């Protein structure tokens, strides 16, 4: 009788092990795992925070440059800060999953005011603040 019980237990363990192995390799389980990973994976919160802080600093710098009439080479400083702000804005849009026109800008090209406003409004509607 003990041999029969041991054979049944061994067969049960073997069948259970094969079933678990089959389930672990199944497409349905793999798809579920990938779906959960995709759902959880989002932008790194520290990167998002860093970009928000930098956008705030650049916006403050833009205000400082525009309000200081005695600043030497004021137009040059304003353009430099504006270009840096636009680049950070594009990075923020990429992280938030927004469509961005990402053509390399040449020295004489600037991002249009309409496009900048659209990007700022889209980011604000998604909860970004700076």
C-alpha atoms as a PDB file:
ATOM      1  CA  UNK A   1       0.000   0.000   0.000  1.00  0.00           C
ATOM      2  CA  UNK A   2       2.817   2.451   0.756  1.00  0.00           C
ATOM      3  CA  UNK A   3       4.357   1.896  -2.672  1.00  0.00           C
ATOM      4  CA  UNK A   4       1.067   2.725  -4.302  1.00  0.00           C
ATOM      5  CA  UNK A   5       0.686   5.927  -2.213  1.00  0.00           C
ATOM      6  CA  UNK A   6       4.247   7.005  -2.979  1.00  0.00           C
ATOM      7  CA  UNK A   7       3.746   6.353  -6.696  1.00  0.00           C
ATOM      8  CA  UNK A   8       0.535   8.405  -6.699  1.00  0.00           C
ATOM      9  CA  UNK A   9       2.205  11.308  -4.824  1.00  0.00           C
ATOM     10  CA  UNK A  10       5.221  11.231  -7.170  1.00  0.00           C
ATOM     11  CA  UNK A  11       2.926  11.178 -10.219  1.00  0.00           C
ATOM     12  CA  UNK A  12       0.896  14.082  -8.801  1.00  0.00           C
ATOM     13  CA  UNK A  13       4.021  16.162  -8.133  1.00  0.00           C
ATOM     14  CA  UNK A  14       5.327  15.406 -11.636  1.00  0.00           C
ATOM     15  CA  UNK A  15       2.037  16.373 -13.298  1.00  0.00           C
ATOM     16  CA  UNK A  16       1.798  19.552 -11.196  1.00  0.00           C
ATOM     17  CA  UNK A  17       5.388  20.497 -12.087  1.00  0.00           C
ATOM     18  CA  UNK A  18       4.723  19.981 -15.795  1.00  0.00           C
ATOM     19  CA  UNK A  19       1.526  22.046 -15.565  1.00  0.00           C
ATOM     20  CA  UNK A  20       3.338  24.922 -13.829  1.00  0.00           C
ATOM     21  CA  UNK A  21       6.172  24.772 -16.365  1.00  0.00           C
ATOM     22  CA  UNK A  22       3.666  24.866 -19.218  1.00  0.00           C
ATOM     23  CA  UNK A  23       1.832  27.808 -17.644  1.00  0.00           C
ATOM     24  CA  UNK A  24       5.047  29.789 -17.069  1.00  0.00           C
ATOM     25  CA  UNK A  25       5.944  29.457 -20.745  1.00  0.00           C
ATOM     26  CA  UNK A  26       2.466  30.234 -22.092  1.00  0.00           C
ATOM     27  CA  UNK A  27       1.820  33.192 -24.379  1.00  0.00           C
ATOM     28  CA  UNK A  28      -1.154  34.372 -22.297  1.00  0.00           C
ATOM     29  CA  UNK A  29       0.987  34.707 -19.164  1.00  0.00           C
ATOM     30  CA  UNK A  30       3.797  36.416 -21.074  1.00  0.00           C
ATOM     31  CA  UNK A  31       1.332  38.902 -22.594  1.00  0.00           C
ATOM     32  CA  UNK A  32      -0.114  39.636 -19.155  1.00  0.00           C
ATOM     33  CA  UNK A  33       3.328  40.278 -17.695  1.00  0.00           C
ATOM     34  CA  UNK A  34       4.231  42.605 -20.579  1.00  0.00           C
ATOM     35  CA  UNK A  35       0.931  44.477 -20.201  1.00  0.00           C
ATOM     36  CA  UNK A  36       1.533  45.022 -16.479  1.00  0.00           C
ATOM     37  CA  UNK A  37       5.096  46.190 -17.111  1.00  0.00           C
ATOM     38  CA  UNK A  38       3.935  48.638 -19.767  1.00  0.00           C
ATOM     39  CA  UNK A  39       1.226  49.964 -17.480  1.00  0.00           C
ATOM     40  CA  UNK A  40       3.663  50.539 -14.621  1.00  0.00           C
ATOM     41  CA  UNK A  41       6.480  51.895 -16.701  1.00  0.00           C
ATOM     42  CA  UNK A  42       6.264  55.622 -17.042  1.00  0.00           C
ATOM     43  CA  UNK A  43       8.674  58.475 -16.965  1.00  0.00           C
ATOM     44  CA  UNK A  44      11.112  58.490 -14.102  1.00  0.00           C
ATOM     45  CA  UNK A  45       9.672  60.881 -11.481  1.00  0.00           C
ATOM     46  CA  UNK A  46      13.107  62.290 -10.673  1.00  0.00           C
ATOM     47  CA  UNK A  47      13.746  63.146 -14.331  1.00  0.00           C
ATOM     48  CA  UNK A  48      10.317  64.766 -14.531  1.00  0.00           C
ATOM     49  CA  UNK A  49      11.000  66.796 -11.400  1.00  0.00           C
ATOM     50  CA  UNK A  50      14.413  67.853 -12.680  1.00  0.00           C
ATOM     51  CA  UNK A  51      12.922  69.097 -15.945  1.00  0.00           C
ATOM     52  CA  UNK A  52      10.147  70.963 -14.099  1.00  0.00           C
ATOM     53  CA  UNK A  53      12.668  72.666 -11.813  1.00  0.00           C
ATOM     54  CA  UNK A  54      14.884  73.602 -14.760  1.00  0.00           C
ATOM     55  CA  UNK A  55      11.898  74.984 -16.684  1.00  0.00           C
ATOM     56  CA  UNK A  56      11.043  77.147 -13.668  1.00  0.00           C
ATOM     57  CA  UNK A  57      14.616  78.413 -13.445  1.00  0.00           C
ATOM     58  CA  UNK A  58      14.708  79.251 -17.152  1.00  0.00           C
ATOM     59  CA  UNK A  59      11.324  81.026 -16.954  1.00  0.00           C
ATOM     60  CA  UNK A  60      12.642  83.115 -14.033  1.00  0.00           C
ATOM     61  CA  UNK A  61      15.795  83.892 -16.029  1.00  0.00           C
ATOM     62  CA  UNK A  62      13.664  85.007 -18.986  1.00  0.00           C
ATOM     63  CA  UNK A  63      11.751  87.389 -16.711  1.00  0.00           C
ATOM     64  CA  UNK A  64      15.008  88.715 -15.238  1.00  0.00           C
ATOM     65  CA  UNK A  65      16.534  89.377 -18.655  1.00  0.00           C
ATOM     66  CA  UNK A  66      13.408  91.050 -20.011  1.00  0.00           C
ATOM     67  CA  UNK A  67      13.022  93.299 -16.935  1.00  0.00           C
ATOM     68  CA  UNK A  68      16.655  94.448 -16.673  1.00  0.00           C
ATOM     69  CA  UNK A  69      17.121  97.365 -19.114  1.00  0.00           C
ATOM     70  CA  UNK A  70      20.811  97.798 -18.248  1.00  0.00           C
ATOM     71  CA  UNK A  71      21.869  94.262 -19.115  1.00  0.00           C
ATOM     72  CA  UNK A  72      24.749  94.162 -21.578  1.00  0.00           C
ATOM     73  CA  UNK A  73      23.871  92.262 -24.790  1.00  0.00           C
ATOM     74  CA  UNK A  74      20.315  91.874 -23.598  1.00  0.00           C
ATOM     75  CA  UNK A  75      18.929  90.515 -26.881  1.00  0.00           C
ATOM     76  CA  UNK A  76      21.668  87.881 -27.053  1.00  0.00           C
ATOM     77  CA  UNK A  77      20.992  86.750 -23.471  1.00  0.00           C
ATOM     78  CA  UNK A  78      17.251  86.645 -24.101  1.00  0.00           C
ATOM     79  CA  UNK A  79      17.653  84.511 -27.248  1.00  0.00           C
ATOM     80  CA  UNK A  80      20.043  82.129 -25.493  1.00  0.00           C
ATOM     81  CA  UNK A  81      17.711  81.632 -22.538  1.00  0.00           C
ATOM     82  CA  UNK A  82      14.690  81.331 -24.861  1.00  0.00           C
ATOM     83  CA  UNK A  83      16.416  78.620 -26.890  1.00  0.00           C
ATOM     84  CA  UNK A  84      17.337  76.717 -23.722  1.00  0.00           C
ATOM     85  CA  UNK A  85      13.742  77.055 -22.511  1.00  0.00           C
ATOM     86  CA  UNK A  86      12.405  75.741 -25.832  1.00  0.00           C
ATOM     87  CA  UNK A  87      14.766  72.753 -25.694  1.00  0.00           C
ATOM     88  CA  UNK A  88      13.670  71.898 -22.142  1.00  0.00           C
ATOM     89  CA  UNK A  89      10.050  72.316 -23.202  1.00  0.00           C
ATOM     90  CA  UNK A  90      10.576  69.796 -26.010  1.00  0.00           C
ATOM     91  CA  UNK A  91      12.184  67.362 -23.544  1.00  0.00           C
ATOM     92  CA  UNK A  92       9.214  67.775 -21.208  1.00  0.00           C
ATOM     93  CA  UNK A  93       6.801  67.113 -24.069  1.00  0.00           C
ATOM     94  CA  UNK A  94       8.682  63.962 -25.037  1.00  0.00           C
ATOM     95  CA  UNK A  95       8.526  62.669 -21.467  1.00  0.00           C
ATOM     96  CA  UNK A  96       4.813  63.495 -21.203  1.00  0.00           C
ATOM     97  CA  UNK A  97       4.157  61.643 -24.462  1.00  0.00           C
ATOM     98  CA  UNK A  98       3.185  64.658 -26.547  1.00  0.00           C
ATOM     99  CA  UNK A  99       3.872  64.972 -30.233  1.00  0.00           C
ATOM    100  CA  UNK A 100       6.769  67.339 -30.771  1.00  0.00           C
ATOM    101  CA  UNK A 101       8.128  68.823 -33.961  1.00  0.00           C
ATOM    102  CA  UNK A 102      11.715  67.804 -33.427  1.00  0.00           C
ATOM    103  CA  UNK A 103      13.516  69.273 -36.391  1.00  0.00           C
ATOM    104  CA  UNK A 104      16.982  70.503 -35.541  1.00  0.00           C
ATOM    105  CA  UNK A 105      16.805  74.274 -35.325  1.00  0.00           C
ATOM    106  CA  UNK A 106      19.349  76.352 -37.153  1.00  0.00           C
ATOM    107  CA  UNK A 107      20.805  79.529 -35.646  1.00  0.00           C
ATOM    108  CA  UNK A 108      18.379  81.794 -37.505  1.00  0.00           C
ATOM    109  CA  UNK A 109      15.296  79.633 -36.762  1.00  0.00           C
ATOM    110  CA  UNK A 110      13.165  79.971 -33.652  1.00  0.00           C
ATOM    111  CA  UNK A 111      10.246  78.041 -32.235  1.00  0.00           C
ATOM    112  CA  UNK A 112       7.037  79.925 -33.000  1.00  0.00           C
ATOM    113  CA  UNK A 113       5.128  81.552 -30.154  1.00  0.00           C
ATOM    114  CA  UNK A 114       2.045  79.519 -31.094  1.00  0.00           C
ATOM    115  CA  UNK A 115       3.920  76.228 -30.869  1.00  0.00           C
ATOM    116  CA  UNK A 116       5.509  77.215 -27.550  1.00  0.00           C
ATOM    117  CA  UNK A 117       2.107  78.187 -26.137  1.00  0.00           C
ATOM    118  CA  UNK A 118       0.562  74.930 -27.387  1.00  0.00           C
ATOM    119  CA  UNK A 119       3.297  72.886 -25.697  1.00  0.00           C
ATOM    120  CA  UNK A 120       2.966  74.825 -22.428  1.00  0.00           C
ATOM    121  CA  UNK A 121      -0.813  74.406 -22.404  1.00  0.00           C
ATOM    122  CA  UNK A 122      -0.599  70.694 -23.190  1.00  0.00           C
ATOM    123  CA  UNK A 123       1.880  70.164 -20.370  1.00  0.00           C
ATOM    124  CA  UNK A 124      -0.254  72.221 -17.972  1.00  0.00           C
ATOM    125  CA  UNK A 125      -3.324  70.165 -18.860  1.00  0.00           C
ATOM    126  CA  UNK A 126      -1.370  67.034 -17.928  1.00  0.00           C
ATOM    127  CA  UNK A 127      -0.525  68.402 -14.478  1.00  0.00           C
ATOM    128  CA  UNK A 128       2.921  69.866 -15.139  1.00  0.00           C
ATOM    129  CA  UNK A 129       3.803  73.092 -13.370  1.00  0.00           C
ATOM    130  CA  UNK A 130       6.917  75.207 -13.244  1.00  0.00           C
END
